[in-house]
């Protein structure tokens, strides 16, 4: 299963090259997080400091996203092909 996920991530990264950086991040979000977790967060924007802003559904999900911040940042940057300076999570 992990091998299939790696293949999908690589294919997605190659197919996203035509989109804007924000659109690439939004498209990569579900692949990076997995469908269940991604359903509770939404990419809002990429700011001038290269920080991606994500809106999160409530405190319980905020804790989950914060615990995975470093992994999410690295994988999101890799899959989307976008240099990131960080991830900022905002509660809805």
Protein backbone atom coordinates (compact mmCIF):
# COMPACT_ATOMS: atom_id res chain seq x y z
CA UNK A 1 0.00 0.00 0.00
CA UNK A 2 2.84 2.41 0.83
CA UNK A 3 4.41 1.76 -2.56
CA UNK A 4 1.14 2.66 -4.32
CA UNK A 5 0.91 5.88 -2.30
CA UNK A 6 4.47 6.78 -3.32
CA UNK A 7 3.63 6.17 -6.98
CA UNK A 8 0.50 8.33 -6.74
CA UNK A 9 2.44 11.13 -5.05
CA UNK A 10 5.07 11.10 -7.78
CA UNK A 11 2.50 11.07 -10.57
CA UNK A 12 0.50 13.87 -8.95
CA UNK A 13 3.62 16.00 -8.60
CA UNK A 14 4.39 15.66 -12.31
CA UNK A 15 0.81 16.41 -13.36
CA UNK A 16 0.57 19.57 -11.23
CA UNK A 17 3.38 21.50 -12.90
CA UNK A 18 0.99 23.54 -15.07
CA UNK A 19 -0.98 24.93 -12.10
CA UNK A 20 -0.22 27.92 -9.86
CA UNK A 21 1.63 27.16 -6.63
CA UNK A 22 -1.52 27.64 -4.53
CA UNK A 23 -3.50 25.32 -6.78
CA UNK A 24 -0.73 22.72 -6.65
CA UNK A 25 -0.73 22.84 -2.84
CA UNK A 26 -4.52 22.48 -2.70
CA UNK A 27 -4.46 19.55 -5.13
CA UNK A 28 -1.67 17.79 -3.22
CA UNK A 29 -3.38 18.25 0.16
CA UNK A 30 -5.59 15.13 0.05
CA UNK A 31 -2.77 12.91 -1.21
CA UNK A 32 -0.43 14.11 1.52
CA UNK A 33 -2.92 13.96 4.41
CA UNK A 34 -5.12 11.10 3.32
CA UNK A 35 -8.81 11.59 2.64
CA UNK A 36 -10.03 11.33 6.26
CA UNK A 37 -7.65 13.93 7.66
CA UNK A 38 -7.74 16.19 4.59
CA UNK A 39 -11.51 16.50 4.95
CA UNK A 40 -10.90 18.48 8.16
CA UNK A 41 -8.45 21.00 6.73
CA UNK A 42 -8.41 23.24 3.66
CA UNK A 43 -5.53 25.08 2.01
CA UNK A 44 -6.38 28.78 1.98
CA UNK A 45 -3.36 30.55 0.53
CA UNK A 46 0.41 30.80 0.22
CA UNK A 47 1.77 34.04 1.64
CA UNK A 48 4.83 36.10 0.68
CA UNK A 49 6.98 34.31 3.29
CA UNK A 50 6.14 30.99 1.58
CA UNK A 51 3.92 29.91 4.49
CA UNK A 52 0.86 27.91 3.49
CA UNK A 53 -2.26 28.77 5.51
CA UNK A 54 -4.68 25.94 6.28
CA UNK A 55 -8.13 26.25 7.88
CA UNK A 56 -8.82 23.41 10.35
CA UNK A 57 -12.13 22.09 11.75
CA UNK A 58 -11.92 22.75 15.48
CA UNK A 59 -9.52 22.14 18.34
CA UNK A 60 -9.42 18.34 18.16
CA UNK A 61 -8.32 18.41 14.54
CA UNK A 62 -5.98 21.32 15.23
CA UNK A 63 -4.02 19.11 17.64
CA UNK A 64 -3.77 16.36 15.02
CA UNK A 65 -2.48 18.74 12.37
CA UNK A 66 -0.03 20.40 14.76
CA UNK A 67 1.39 17.01 15.76
CA UNK A 68 2.07 16.26 12.10
CA UNK A 69 3.22 19.73 11.02
CA UNK A 70 6.80 18.86 10.03
CA UNK A 71 5.77 15.77 8.06
CA UNK A 72 2.91 17.59 6.34
CA UNK A 73 5.16 20.49 5.37
CA UNK A 74 7.87 18.27 3.93
CA UNK A 75 5.46 16.03 2.01
CA UNK A 76 3.31 18.91 0.77
CA UNK A 77 6.39 20.70 -0.56
CA UNK A 78 7.66 17.50 -2.20
CA UNK A 79 4.38 16.43 -3.83
CA UNK A 80 3.32 19.93 -4.94
CA UNK A 81 6.84 20.92 -5.97
CA UNK A 82 6.57 24.15 -3.99
CA UNK A 83 9.21 25.57 -1.64
CA UNK A 84 7.57 26.15 1.75
CA UNK A 85 8.70 28.22 4.71
CA UNK A 86 6.09 26.69 7.00
CA UNK A 87 2.49 25.80 7.63
CA UNK A 88 0.11 27.97 9.64
CA UNK A 89 -3.05 26.31 10.89
CA UNK A 90 -6.15 28.42 11.63
CA UNK A 91 -9.23 27.16 13.46
CA UNK A 92 -12.53 27.52 11.68
